[in-house]
């Protein structure tokens, strides 16, 4: 199955440069996407603000009850595109629309991706 997701330009570039290998996503009331339906070997088309597209294969998916556990287990190096700092990473993730309210109810996904090169 192929999924289509928008992503900010900074994270898009980090995936393109293969610096970001884990996409963090949470089910919220602001989106119809249910990340529990994503499976290993599915593909994701990420598009940025310029409608550029990157295709990635899902290699692994881990679910966590909160962002703290996710960052402790997955680390910050390949999960965050804005910083490698744990505390700043928490702040950044919880600033995403709906994440602060939704993660305590639904948890959060660490979606491991591999860039599919053209």
PDB file of N, CA and C in Angstrom:
ATOM      1  N   UNK A   1       0.845  -1.177   0.000  1.00  0.00           N
ATOM      2  CA  UNK A   1       0.000   0.000   0.000  1.00  0.00           C
ATOM      3  C   UNK A   1       0.889   1.239   0.000  1.00  0.00           C
ATOM      4  N   UNK A   2       0.422   2.282  -0.659  1.00  0.00           N
ATOM      5  CA  UNK A   2       1.160   3.542  -0.678  1.00  0.00           C
ATOM      6  C   UNK A   2       0.366   4.611   0.070  1.00  0.00           C
ATOM      7  N   UNK A   3       1.056   5.342   0.911  1.00  0.00           N
ATOM      8  CA  UNK A   3       0.464   6.413   1.710  1.00  0.00           C
ATOM      9  C   UNK A   3       1.033   7.743   1.229  1.00  0.00           C
ATOM     10  N   UNK A   4       0.252   8.794   1.325  1.00  0.00           N
ATOM     11  CA  UNK A   4       0.695  10.124   0.910  1.00  0.00           C
ATOM     12  C   UNK A   4       0.651  11.043   2.125  1.00  0.00           C
ATOM     13  N   UNK A   5       1.789  11.640   2.444  1.00  0.00           N
ATOM     14  CA  UNK A   5       1.897  12.510   3.618  1.00  0.00           C
ATOM     15  C   UNK A   5       2.597  13.812   3.265  1.00  0.00           C
ATOM     16  N   UNK A   6       2.093  14.901   3.816  1.00  0.00           N
ATOM     17  CA  UNK A   6       2.825  16.154   3.678  1.00  0.00           C
ATOM     18  C   UNK A   6       3.838  16.229   4.812  1.00  0.00           C
ATOM     19  N   UNK A   7       4.896  16.984   4.558  1.00  0.00           N
ATOM     20  CA  UNK A   7       5.978  17.099   5.532  1.00  0.00           C
ATOM     21  C   UNK A   7       6.615  18.475   5.360  1.00  0.00           C
ATOM     22  N   UNK A   8       7.138  19.026   6.442  1.00  0.00           N
ATOM     23  CA  UNK A   8       7.746  20.354   6.312  1.00  0.00           C
ATOM     24  C   UNK A   8       9.045  20.263   5.513  1.00  0.00           C
ATOM     25  N   UNK A   9       9.462  21.383   4.978  1.00  0.00           N
ATOM     26  CA  UNK A   9      10.609  21.424   4.071  1.00  0.00           C
ATOM     27  C   UNK A   9      11.907  20.970   4.736  1.00  0.00           C
ATOM     28  N   UNK A  10      12.099  21.311   5.995  1.00  0.00           N
ATOM     29  CA  UNK A  10      13.321  20.913   6.708  1.00  0.00           C
ATOM     30  C   UNK A  10      13.404  19.388   6.827  1.00  0.00           C
ATOM     31  N   UNK A  11      12.304  18.753   7.222  1.00  0.00           N
ATOM     32  CA  UNK A  11      12.282  17.296   7.349  1.00  0.00           C
ATOM     33  C   UNK A  11      12.397  16.630   5.977  1.00  0.00           C
ATOM     34  N   UNK A  12      11.763  17.222   4.969  1.00  0.00           N
ATOM     35  CA  UNK A  12      11.847  16.702   3.597  1.00  0.00           C
ATOM     36  C   UNK A  12      13.310  16.639   3.153  1.00  0.00           C
ATOM     37  N   UNK A  13      14.029  17.728   3.368  1.00  0.00           N
ATOM     38  CA  UNK A  13      15.445  17.780   2.976  1.00  0.00           C
ATOM     39  C   UNK A  13      16.259  16.750   3.765  1.00  0.00           C
ATOM     40  N   UNK A  14      15.974  16.604   5.044  1.00  0.00           N
ATOM     41  CA  UNK A  14      16.704  15.639   5.874  1.00  0.00           C
ATOM     42  C   UNK A  14      16.462  14.206   5.384  1.00  0.00           C
ATOM     43  N   UNK A  15      15.246  13.898   4.945  1.00  0.00           N
ATOM     44  CA  UNK A  15      14.970  12.573   4.374  1.00  0.00           C
ATOM     45  C   UNK A  15      15.704  12.425   3.049  1.00  0.00           C
ATOM     46  N   UNK A  16      15.646  13.451   2.227  1.00  0.00           N
ATOM     47  CA  UNK A  16      16.311  13.424   0.913  1.00  0.00           C
ATOM     48  C   UNK A  16      17.814  13.196   1.070  1.00  0.00           C
ATOM     49  N   UNK A  17      18.407  13.809   2.090  1.00  0.00           N
ATOM     50  CA  UNK A  17      19.843  13.664   2.357  1.00  0.00           C
ATOM     51  C   UNK A  17      20.145  12.432   3.213  1.00  0.00           C
ATOM     52  N   UNK A  18      19.113  11.667   3.535  1.00  0.00           N
ATOM     53  CA  UNK A  18      19.206  10.434   4.325  1.00  0.00           C
ATOM     54  C   UNK A  18      19.760  10.668   5.724  1.00  0.00           C
ATOM     55  N   UNK A  19      19.496  11.855   6.262  1.00  0.00           N
ATOM     56  CA  UNK A  19      19.840  12.159   7.654  1.00  0.00           C
ATOM     57  C   UNK A  19      18.684  11.809   8.580  1.00  0.00           C
ATOM     58  N   UNK A  20      17.464  11.824   8.069  1.00  0.00           N
ATOM     59  CA  UNK A  20      16.271  11.483   8.841  1.00  0.00           C
ATOM     60  C   UNK A  20      15.779  10.132   8.334  1.00  0.00           C
ATOM     61  N   UNK A  21      15.742   9.161   9.239  1.00  0.00           N
ATOM     62  CA  UNK A  21      15.372   7.806   8.864  1.00  0.00           C
ATOM     63  C   UNK A  21      14.180   7.283   9.653  1.00  0.00           C
ATOM     64  N   UNK A  22      13.654   8.119  10.535  1.00  0.00           N
ATOM     65  CA  UNK A  22      12.481   7.751  11.332  1.00  0.00           C
ATOM     66  C   UNK A  22      11.512   8.918  11.318  1.00  0.00           C
ATOM     67  N   UNK A  23      10.300   8.665  10.857  1.00  0.00           N
ATOM     68  CA  UNK A  23       9.256   9.692  10.836  1.00  0.00           C
ATOM     69  C   UNK A  23       8.358   9.475  12.049  1.00  0.00           C
ATOM     70  N   UNK A  24       8.167  10.536  12.819  1.00  0.00           N
ATOM     71  CA  UNK A  24       7.328  10.473  14.022  1.00  0.00           C
ATOM     72  C   UNK A  24       5.940  10.978  13.656  1.00  0.00           C
ATOM     73  N   UNK A  25       4.926  10.152  13.924  1.00  0.00           N
ATOM     74  CA  UNK A  25       3.552  10.526  13.607  1.00  0.00           C
ATOM     75  C   UNK A  25       2.619  10.065  14.715  1.00  0.00           C
ATOM     76  N   UNK A  26       1.549  10.841  14.917  1.00  0.00           N
ATOM     77  CA  UNK A  26       0.526  10.503  15.915  1.00  0.00           C
ATOM     78  C   UNK A  26      -0.858  10.691  15.297  1.00  0.00           C
ATOM     79  N   UNK A  27      -1.781   9.838  15.683  1.00  0.00           N
ATOM     80  CA  UNK A  27      -3.171   9.990  15.257  1.00  0.00           C
ATOM     81  C   UNK A  27      -3.775  11.169  16.010  1.00  0.00           C
ATOM     82  N   UNK A  28      -4.366  12.107  15.267  1.00  0.00           N
ATOM     83  CA  UNK A  28      -4.991  13.278  15.888  1.00  0.00           C
ATOM     84  C   UNK A  28      -6.384  13.479  15.320  1.00  0.00           C
ATOM     85  N   UNK A  29      -7.125  14.377  15.942  1.00  0.00           N
ATOM     86  CA  UNK A  29      -8.452  14.749  15.446  1.00  0.00           C
ATOM     87  C   UNK A  29      -8.367  15.665  14.226  1.00  0.00           C
ATOM     88  N   UNK A  30      -7.161  16.099  13.875  1.00  0.00           N
ATOM     89  CA  UNK A  30      -6.967  17.034  12.766  1.00  0.00           C
ATOM     90  C   UNK A  30      -6.646  16.328  11.454  1.00  0.00           C
ATOM     91  N   UNK A  31      -6.632  14.998  11.469  1.00  0.00           N
ATOM     92  CA  UNK A  31      -6.300  14.231  10.271  1.00  0.00           C
ATOM     93  C   UNK A  31      -7.108  12.940  10.240  1.00  0.00           C
ATOM     94  N   UNK A  32      -7.439  12.503   9.039  1.00  0.00           N
ATOM     95  CA  UNK A  32      -8.155  11.236   8.872  1.00  0.00           C
ATOM     96  C   UNK A  32      -7.198  10.053   8.772  1.00  0.00           C
ATOM     97  N   UNK A  33      -5.916  10.294   8.797  1.00  0.00           N
ATOM     98  CA  UNK A  33      -4.932   9.221   8.638  1.00  0.00           C
ATOM     99  C   UNK A  33      -4.797   8.451   9.949  1.00  0.00           C
ATOM    100  N   UNK A  34      -4.867   7.113   9.846  1.00  0.00           N
ATOM    101  CA  UNK A  34      -4.675   6.238  10.997  1.00  0.00           C
ATOM    102  C   UNK A  34      -3.362   5.490  10.790  1.00  0.00           C
ATOM    103  N   UNK A  35      -2.352   5.890  11.544  1.00  0.00           N
ATOM    104  CA  UNK A  35      -1.018   5.327  11.365  1.00  0.00           C
ATOM    105  C   UNK A  35      -0.925   3.876  11.813  1.00  0.00           C
ATOM    106  N   UNK A  36      -1.913   3.378  12.538  1.00  0.00           N
ATOM    107  CA  UNK A  36      -1.908   1.959  12.903  1.00  0.00           C
ATOM    108  C   UNK A  36      -2.126   1.076  11.674  1.00  0.00           C
ATOM    109  N   UNK A  37      -2.603   1.671  10.579  1.00  0.00           N
ATOM    110  CA  UNK A  37      -2.806   0.928   9.332  1.00  0.00           C
ATOM    111  C   UNK A  37      -1.542   0.838   8.478  1.00  0.00           C
ATOM    112  N   UNK A  38      -0.503   1.554   8.842  1.00  0.00           N
ATOM    113  CA  UNK A  38       0.746   1.512   8.094  1.00  0.00           C
ATOM    114  C   UNK A  38       1.463   0.205   8.423  1.00  0.00           C
ATOM    115  N   UNK A  39       2.047  -0.417   7.415  1.00  0.00           N
ATOM    116  CA  UNK A  39       2.699  -1.720   7.588  1.00  0.00           C
ATOM    117  C   UNK A  39       4.104  -1.698   6.976  1.00  0.00           C
ATOM    118  N   UNK A  40       4.950  -2.584   7.482  1.00  0.00           N
ATOM    119  CA  UNK A  40       6.277  -2.775   6.907  1.00  0.00           C
ATOM    120  C   UNK A  40       6.111  -3.153   5.437  1.00  0.00           C
ATOM    121  N   UNK A  41       6.973  -2.611   4.602  1.00  0.00           N
ATOM    122  CA  UNK A  41       6.992  -2.769   3.137  1.00  0.00           C
ATOM    123  C   UNK A  41       5.999  -1.871   2.413  1.00  0.00           C
ATOM    124  N   UNK A  42       5.099  -1.174   3.131  1.00  0.00           N
ATOM    125  CA  UNK A  42       4.290  -0.137   2.491  1.00  0.00           C
ATOM    126  C   UNK A  42       5.236   0.971   2.043  1.00  0.00           C
ATOM    127  N   UNK A  43       4.759   1.832   1.153  1.00  0.00           N
ATOM    128  CA  UNK A  43       5.548   2.991   0.750  1.00  0.00           C
ATOM    129  C   UNK A  43       4.840   4.272   1.181  1.00  0.00           C
ATOM    130  N   UNK A  44       5.633   5.306   1.352  1.00  0.00           N
ATOM    131  CA  UNK A  44       5.114   6.635   1.682  1.00  0.00           C
ATOM    132  C   UNK A  44       5.624   7.607   0.633  1.00  0.00           C
ATOM    133  N   UNK A  45       4.709   8.404   0.089  1.00  0.00           N
ATOM    134  CA  UNK A  45       5.090   9.541  -0.750  1.00  0.00           C
ATOM    135  C   UNK A  45       5.027  10.767   0.144  1.00  0.00           C
ATOM    136  N   UNK A  46       6.171  11.346   0.429  1.00  0.00           N
ATOM    137  CA  UNK A  46       6.221  12.589   1.179  1.00  0.00           C
ATOM    138  C   UNK A  46       6.238  13.731   0.173  1.00  0.00           C
ATOM    139  N   UNK A  47       5.432  14.756   0.426  1.00  0.00           N
ATOM    140  CA  UNK A  47       5.515  15.945  -0.420  1.00  0.00           C
ATOM    141  C   UNK A  47       5.702  17.169   0.461  1.00  0.00           C
ATOM    142  N   UNK A  48       6.447  18.134  -0.077  1.00  0.00           N
ATOM    143  CA  UNK A  48       6.762  19.348   0.675  1.00  0.00           C
ATOM    144  C   UNK A  48       5.950  20.527   0.150  1.00  0.00           C
ATOM    145  N   UNK A  49       6.300  21.724   0.575  1.00  0.00           N
ATOM    146  CA  UNK A  49       5.534  22.919   0.203  1.00  0.00           C
ATOM    147  C   UNK A  49       5.657  23.251  -1.286  1.00  0.00           C
ATOM    148  N   UNK A  50       6.682  22.732  -1.953  1.00  0.00           N
ATOM    149  CA  UNK A  50       6.857  22.951  -3.390  1.00  0.00           C
ATOM    150  C   UNK A  50       6.276  21.809  -4.213  1.00  0.00           C
ATOM    151  N   UNK A  51       5.545  20.924  -3.547  1.00  0.00           N
ATOM    152  CA  UNK A  51       4.973  19.728  -4.180  1.00  0.00           C
ATOM    153  C   UNK A  51       6.024  18.807  -4.788  1.00  0.00           C
ATOM    154  N   UNK A  52       7.242  18.864  -4.252  1.00  0.00           N
ATOM    155  CA  UNK A  52       8.245  17.866  -4.610  1.00  0.00           C
ATOM    156  C   UNK A  52       7.876  16.586  -3.874  1.00  0.00           C
ATOM    157  N   UNK A  53       8.266  15.453  -4.432  1.00  0.00           N
ATOM    158  CA  UNK A  53       7.883  14.170  -3.839  1.00  0.00           C
ATOM    159  C   UNK A  53       9.113  13.307  -3.592  1.00  0.00           C
ATOM    160  N   UNK A  54       9.125  12.660  -2.443  1.00  0.00           N
ATOM    161  CA  UNK A  54      10.102  11.627  -2.122  1.00  0.00           C
ATOM    162  C   UNK A  54       9.321  10.353  -1.816  1.00  0.00           C
ATOM    163  N   UNK A  55       9.809   9.229  -2.299  1.00  0.00           N
ATOM    164  CA  UNK A  55       9.181   7.947  -1.986  1.00  0.00           C
ATOM    165  C   UNK A  55      10.099   7.179  -1.050  1.00  0.00           C
ATOM    166  N   UNK A  56       9.489   6.600  -0.014  1.00  0.00           N
ATOM    167  CA  UNK A  56      10.232   5.819   0.967  1.00  0.00           C
ATOM    168  C   UNK A  56       9.504   4.515   1.239  1.00  0.00           C
ATOM    169  N   UNK A  57      10.278   3.507   1.589  1.00  0.00           N
ATOM    170  CA  UNK A  57       9.711   2.234   2.008  1.00  0.00           C
ATOM    171  C   UNK A  57       9.716   2.184   3.529  1.00  0.00           C
ATOM    172  N   UNK A  58       8.651   1.665   4.119  1.00  0.00           N
ATOM    173  CA  UNK A  58       8.596   1.477   5.568  1.00  0.00           C
ATOM    174  C   UNK A  58       9.334   0.179   5.889  1.00  0.00           C
ATOM    175  N   UNK A  59      10.351   0.284   6.740  1.00  0.00           N
ATOM    176  CA  UNK A  59      11.147  -0.888   7.094  1.00  0.00           C
ATOM    177  C   UNK A  59      10.806  -1.427   8.491  1.00  0.00           C
ATOM    178  N   UNK A  60      10.202  -0.583   9.307  1.00  0.00           N
ATOM    179  CA  UNK A  60       9.878  -0.978  10.687  1.00  0.00           C
ATOM    180  C   UNK A  60       8.949   0.072  11.262  1.00  0.00           C
ATOM    181  N   UNK A  61       8.071  -0.342  12.165  1.00  0.00           N
ATOM    182  CA  UNK A  61       7.192   0.607  12.852  1.00  0.00           C
ATOM    183  C   UNK A  61       7.161   0.235  14.336  1.00  0.00           C
ATOM    184  N   UNK A  62       7.426   1.213  15.178  1.00  0.00           N
ATOM    185  CA  UNK A  62       7.337   1.017  16.623  1.00  0.00           C
ATOM    186  C   UNK A  62       6.315   1.985  17.180  1.00  0.00           C
ATOM    187  N   UNK A  63       5.482   1.511  18.098  1.00  0.00           N
ATOM    188  CA  UNK A  63       4.489   2.346  18.773  1.00  0.00           C
ATOM    189  C   UNK A  63       4.959   2.582  20.198  1.00  0.00           C
ATOM    190  N   UNK A  64       4.799   3.806  20.662  1.00  0.00           N
ATOM    191  CA  UNK A  64       5.181   4.173  22.024  1.00  0.00           C
ATOM    192  C   UNK A  64       4.027   4.881  22.705  1.00  0.00           C
ATOM    193  N   UNK A  65       3.954   4.753  24.021  1.00  0.00           N
ATOM    194  CA  UNK A  65       2.874   5.411  24.765  1.00  0.00           C
ATOM    195  C   UNK A  65       3.086   6.914  24.850  1.00  0.00           C
ATOM    196  N   UNK A  66       4.345   7.361  24.697  1.00  0.00           N
ATOM    197  CA  UNK A  66       4.616   8.800  24.740  1.00  0.00           C
ATOM    198  C   UNK A  66       5.912   9.121  24.002  1.00  0.00           C
ATOM    199  N   UNK A  67       6.125  10.391  23.759  1.00  0.00           N
ATOM    200  CA  UNK A  67       7.297  10.852  23.016  1.00  0.00           C
ATOM    201  C   UNK A  67       8.571  10.623  23.823  1.00  0.00           C
ATOM    202  N   UNK A  68       8.482  10.749  25.129  1.00  0.00           N
ATOM    203  CA  UNK A  68       9.660  10.548  25.970  1.00  0.00           C
ATOM    204  C   UNK A  68      10.242   9.147  25.743  1.00  0.00           C
ATOM    205  N   UNK A  69       9.380   8.121  25.784  1.00  0.00           N
ATOM    206  CA  UNK A  69       9.852   6.756  25.540  1.00  0.00           C
ATOM    207  C   UNK A  69      10.374   6.589  24.121  1.00  0.00           C
ATOM    208  N   UNK A  70       9.687   7.194  23.168  1.00  0.00           N
ATOM    209  CA  UNK A  70      10.120   7.102  21.778  1.00  0.00           C
ATOM    210  C   UNK A  70      11.539   7.644  21.630  1.00  0.00           C
ATOM    211  N   UNK A  71      11.786   8.847  22.117  1.00  0.00           N
ATOM    212  CA  UNK A  71      13.107   9.451  21.956  1.00  0.00           C
ATOM    213  C   UNK A  71      14.178   8.720  22.762  1.00  0.00           C
ATOM    214  N   UNK A  72      13.810   8.168  23.909  1.00  0.00           N
ATOM    215  CA  UNK A  72      14.783   7.403  24.695  1.00  0.00           C
ATOM    216  C   UNK A  72      15.181   6.115  23.980  1.00  0.00           C
ATOM    217  N   UNK A  73      14.236   5.467  23.330  1.00  0.00           N
ATOM    218  CA  UNK A  73      14.513   4.193  22.639  1.00  0.00           C
ATOM    219  C   UNK A  73      15.080   4.414  21.232  1.00  0.00           C
ATOM    220  N   UNK A  74      14.532   5.364  20.495  1.00  0.00           N
ATOM    221  CA  UNK A  74      14.932   5.590  19.103  1.00  0.00           C
ATOM    222  C   UNK A  74      16.100   6.569  18.978  1.00  0.00           C
ATOM    223  N   UNK A  75      16.297   7.404  19.994  1.00  0.00           N
ATOM    224  CA  UNK A  75      17.332   8.427  19.936  1.00  0.00           C
ATOM    225  C   UNK A  75      16.851   9.644  19.156  1.00  0.00           C
ATOM    226  N   UNK A  76      17.716  10.628  19.031  1.00  0.00           N
ATOM    227  CA  UNK A  76      17.350  11.863  18.346  1.00  0.00           C
ATOM    228  C   UNK A  76      18.034  12.003  16.986  1.00  0.00           C
ATOM    229  N   UNK A  77      19.115  11.289  16.763  1.00  0.00           N
ATOM    230  CA  UNK A  77      19.927  11.481  15.561  1.00  0.00           C
ATOM    231  C   UNK A  77      19.138  11.307  14.269  1.00  0.00           C
ATOM    232  N   UNK A  78      18.360  10.228  14.138  1.00  0.00           N
ATOM    233  CA  UNK A  78      17.629   9.958  12.901  1.00  0.00           C
ATOM    234  C   UNK A  78      16.141  10.277  12.990  1.00  0.00           C
ATOM    235  N   UNK A  79      15.670  10.719  14.156  1.00  0.00           N
ATOM    236  CA  UNK A  79      14.239  10.994  14.324  1.00  0.00           C
ATOM    237  C   UNK A  79      13.894  12.466  14.165  1.00  0.00           C
ATOM    238  N   UNK A  80      14.813  13.340  14.501  1.00  0.00           N
ATOM    239  CA  UNK A  80      14.532  14.776  14.500  1.00  0.00           C
ATOM    240  C   UNK A  80      15.321  15.480  13.405  1.00  0.00           C
ATOM    241  N   UNK A  81      14.663  16.386  12.706  1.00  0.00           N
ATOM    242  CA  UNK A  81      15.375  17.157  11.683  1.00  0.00           C
ATOM    243  C   UNK A  81      15.741  18.549  12.182  1.00  0.00           C
ATOM    244  N   UNK A  82      15.175  18.953  13.324  1.00  0.00           N
ATOM    245  CA  UNK A  82      15.401  20.315  13.799  1.00  0.00           C
ATOM    246  C   UNK A  82      16.525  20.412  14.830  1.00  0.00           C
ATOM    247  N   UNK A  83      16.792  19.307  15.544  1.00  0.00           N
ATOM    248  CA  UNK A  83      17.774  19.356  16.625  1.00  0.00           C
ATOM    249  C   UNK A  83      18.141  17.935  17.023  1.00  0.00           C
ATOM    250  N   UNK A  84      19.278  17.779  17.691  1.00  0.00           N
ATOM    251  CA  UNK A  84      19.623  16.495  18.297  1.00  0.00           C
ATOM    252  C   UNK A  84      19.430  16.555  19.810  1.00  0.00           C
ATOM    253  N   UNK A  85      18.943  17.683  20.298  1.00  0.00           N
ATOM    254  CA  UNK A  85      18.752  17.886  21.724  1.00  0.00           C
ATOM    255  C   UNK A  85      17.425  17.271  22.176  1.00  0.00           C
ATOM    256  N   UNK A  86      17.474  16.393  23.151  1.00  0.00           N
ATOM    257  CA  UNK A  86      16.294  15.675  23.642  1.00  0.00           C
ATOM    258  C   UNK A  86      15.172  16.627  24.084  1.00  0.00           C
ATOM    259  N   UNK A  87      15.492  17.592  24.930  1.00  0.00           N
ATOM    260  CA  UNK A  87      14.460  18.503  25.458  1.00  0.00           C
ATOM    261  C   UNK A  87      13.867  19.383  24.362  1.00  0.00           C
ATOM    262  N   UNK A  88      14.705  19.884  23.467  1.00  0.00           N
ATOM    263  CA  UNK A  88      14.187  20.683  22.353  1.00  0.00           C
ATOM    264  C   UNK A  88      13.353  19.811  21.417  1.00  0.00           C
ATOM    265  N   UNK A  89      13.750  18.548  21.259  1.00  0.00           N
ATOM    266  CA  UNK A  89      12.985  17.608  20.438  1.00  0.00           C
ATOM    267  C   UNK A  89      11.594  17.374  21.001  1.00  0.00           C
ATOM    268  N   UNK A  90      11.502  17.177  22.318  1.00  0.00           N
ATOM    269  CA  UNK A  90      10.194  17.021  22.962  1.00  0.00           C
ATOM    270  C   UNK A  90       9.317  18.235  22.697  1.00  0.00           C
ATOM    271  N   UNK A  91       9.896  19.410  22.896  1.00  0.00           N
ATOM    272  CA  UNK A  91       9.157  20.653  22.687  1.00  0.00           C
ATOM    273  C   UNK A  91       8.675  20.760  21.246  1.00  0.00           C
ATOM    274  N   UNK A  92       9.534  20.424  20.299  1.00  0.00           N
ATOM    275  CA  UNK A  92       9.203  20.505  18.883  1.00  0.00           C
ATOM    276  C   UNK A  92       8.064  19.549  18.522  1.00  0.00           C
ATOM    277  N   UNK A  93       8.141  18.323  18.976  1.00  0.00           N
ATOM    278  CA  UNK A  93       7.102  17.330  18.656  1.00  0.00           C
ATOM    279  C   UNK A  93       5.771  17.729  19.271  1.00  0.00           C
ATOM    280  N   UNK A  94       5.794  18.139  20.532  1.00  0.00           N
ATOM    281  CA  UNK A  94       4.544  18.519  21.191  1.00  0.00           C
ATOM    282  C   UNK A  94       3.957  19.817  20.651  1.00  0.00           C
ATOM    283  N   UNK A  95       4.739  20.571  19.875  1.00  0.00           N
ATOM    284  CA  UNK A  95       4.207  21.801  19.282  1.00  0.00           C
ATOM    285  C   UNK A  95       3.401  21.522  18.007  1.00  0.00           C
ATOM    286  N   UNK A  96       3.484  20.300  17.478  1.00  0.00           N
ATOM    287  CA  UNK A  96       2.738  19.954  16.267  1.00  0.00           C
ATOM    288  C   UNK A  96       1.237  19.930  16.563  1.00  0.00           C
ATOM    289  N   UNK A  97       0.450  20.376  15.619  1.00  0.00           N
ATOM    290  CA  UNK A  97      -0.994  20.511  15.808  1.00  0.00           C
ATOM    291  C   UNK A  97      -1.625  19.209  16.279  1.00  0.00           C
ATOM    292  N   UNK A  98      -2.226  19.258  17.463  1.00  0.00           N
ATOM    293  CA  UNK A  98      -2.969  18.126  18.011  1.00  0.00           C
ATOM    294  C   UNK A  98      -2.143  17.096  18.746  1.00  0.00           C
ATOM    295  N   UNK A  99      -0.823  17.168  18.664  1.00  0.00           N
ATOM    296  CA  UNK A  99       0.006  16.130  19.274  1.00  0.00           C
ATOM    297  C   UNK A  99      -0.059  16.145  20.808  1.00  0.00           C
ATOM    298  N   UNK A 100      -0.012  17.325  21.413  1.00  0.00           N
ATOM    299  CA  UNK A 100      -0.016  17.397  22.879  1.00  0.00           C
ATOM    300  C   UNK A 100      -1.283  16.756  23.464  1.00  0.00           C
ATOM    301  N   UNK A 101      -2.396  16.925  22.778  1.00  0.00           N
ATOM    302  CA  UNK A 101      -3.667  16.377  23.269  1.00  0.00           C
ATOM    303  C   UNK A 101      -3.841  14.903  22.886  1.00  0.00           C
ATOM    304  N   UNK A 102      -3.363  14.525  21.728  1.00  0.00           N
ATOM    305  CA  UNK A 102      -3.641  13.189  21.191  1.00  0.00           C
ATOM    306  C   UNK A 102      -2.688  12.099  21.673  1.00  0.00           C
ATOM    307  N   UNK A 103      -1.422  12.409  21.853  1.00  0.00           N
ATOM    308  CA  UNK A 103      -0.449  11.379  22.217  1.00  0.00           C
ATOM    309  C   UNK A 103      -0.784  10.706  23.549  1.00  0.00           C
ATOM    310  N   UNK A 104      -1.201  11.439  24.599  1.00  0.00           N
ATOM    311  CA  UNK A 104      -1.561  10.730  25.831  1.00  0.00           C
ATOM    312  C   UNK A 104      -2.711   9.724  25.645  1.00  0.00           C
ATOM    313  N   UNK A 105      -3.579   9.960  24.673  1.00  0.00           N
ATOM    314  CA  UNK A 105      -4.699   9.048  24.407  1.00  0.00           C
ATOM    315  C   UNK A 105      -4.320   7.933  23.439  1.00  0.00           C
ATOM    316  N   UNK A 106      -3.557   8.281  22.390  1.00  0.00           N
ATOM    317  CA  UNK A 106      -3.327   7.362  21.270  1.00  0.00           C
ATOM    318  C   UNK A 106      -1.902   6.851  21.124  1.00  0.00           C
ATOM    319  N   UNK A 107      -0.961   7.434  21.843  1.00  0.00           N
ATOM    320  CA  UNK A 107       0.433   7.066  21.659  1.00  0.00           C
ATOM    321  C   UNK A 107       1.020   7.724  20.422  1.00  0.00           C
ATOM    322  N   UNK A 108       2.204   7.266  20.040  1.00  0.00           N
ATOM    323  CA  UNK A 108       2.935   7.885  18.936  1.00  0.00           C
ATOM    324  C   UNK A 108       3.737   6.800  18.210  1.00  0.00           C
ATOM    325  N   UNK A 109       3.877   6.974  16.905  1.00  0.00           N
ATOM    326  CA  UNK A 109       4.548   5.986  16.067  1.00  0.00           C
ATOM    327  C   UNK A 109       5.914   6.482  15.615  1.00  0.00           C
ATOM    328  N   UNK A 110       6.883   5.572  15.634  1.00  0.00           N
ATOM    329  CA  UNK A 110       8.193   5.794  15.029  1.00  0.00           C
ATOM    330  C   UNK A 110       8.213   4.934  13.769  1.00  0.00           C
ATOM    331  N   UNK A 111       8.095   5.580  12.624  1.00  0.00           N
ATOM    332  CA  UNK A 111       8.010   4.880  11.346  1.00  0.00           C
ATOM    333  C   UNK A 111       9.390   4.941  10.686  1.00  0.00           C
ATOM    334  N   UNK A 112      10.074   3.813  10.659  1.00  0.00           N
ATOM    335  CA  UNK A 112      11.400   3.736  10.055  1.00  0.00           C
ATOM    336  C   UNK A 112      11.243   3.682   8.543  1.00  0.00           C
ATOM    337  N   UNK A 113      11.999   4.530   7.858  1.00  0.00           N
ATOM    338  CA  UNK A 113      11.858   4.645   6.402  1.00  0.00           C
ATOM    339  C   UNK A 113      13.210   4.516   5.715  1.00  0.00           C
ATOM    340  N   UNK A 114      13.143   4.057   4.495  1.00  0.00           N
ATOM    341  CA  UNK A 114      14.315   3.976   3.625  1.00  0.00           C
ATOM    342  C   UNK A 114      13.977   4.668   2.332  1.00  0.00           C
ATOM    343  N   UNK A 115      14.777   5.655   1.958  1.00  0.00           N
ATOM    344  CA  UNK A 115      14.562   6.407   0.735  1.00  0.00           C
ATOM    345  C   UNK A 115      14.660   5.485  -0.477  1.00  0.00           C
ATOM    346  N   UNK A 116      13.684   5.590  -1.354  1.00  0.00           N
ATOM    347  CA  UNK A 116      13.717   4.859  -2.625  1.00  0.00           C
ATOM    348  C   UNK A 116      14.292   5.819  -3.650  1.00  0.00           C
ATOM    349  N   UNK A 117      15.483   5.494  -4.125  1.00  0.00           N
ATOM    350  CA  UNK A 117      16.170   6.380  -5.061  1.00  0.00           C
ATOM    351  C   UNK A 117      15.682   6.098  -6.475  1.00  0.00           C
ATOM    352  N   UNK A 118      15.492   7.165  -7.251  1.00  0.00           N
ATOM    353  CA  UNK A 118      15.030   7.018  -8.636  1.00  0.00           C
ATOM    354  C   UNK A 118      16.126   6.527  -9.539  1.00  0.00           C
TER     355      UNK A 118
END
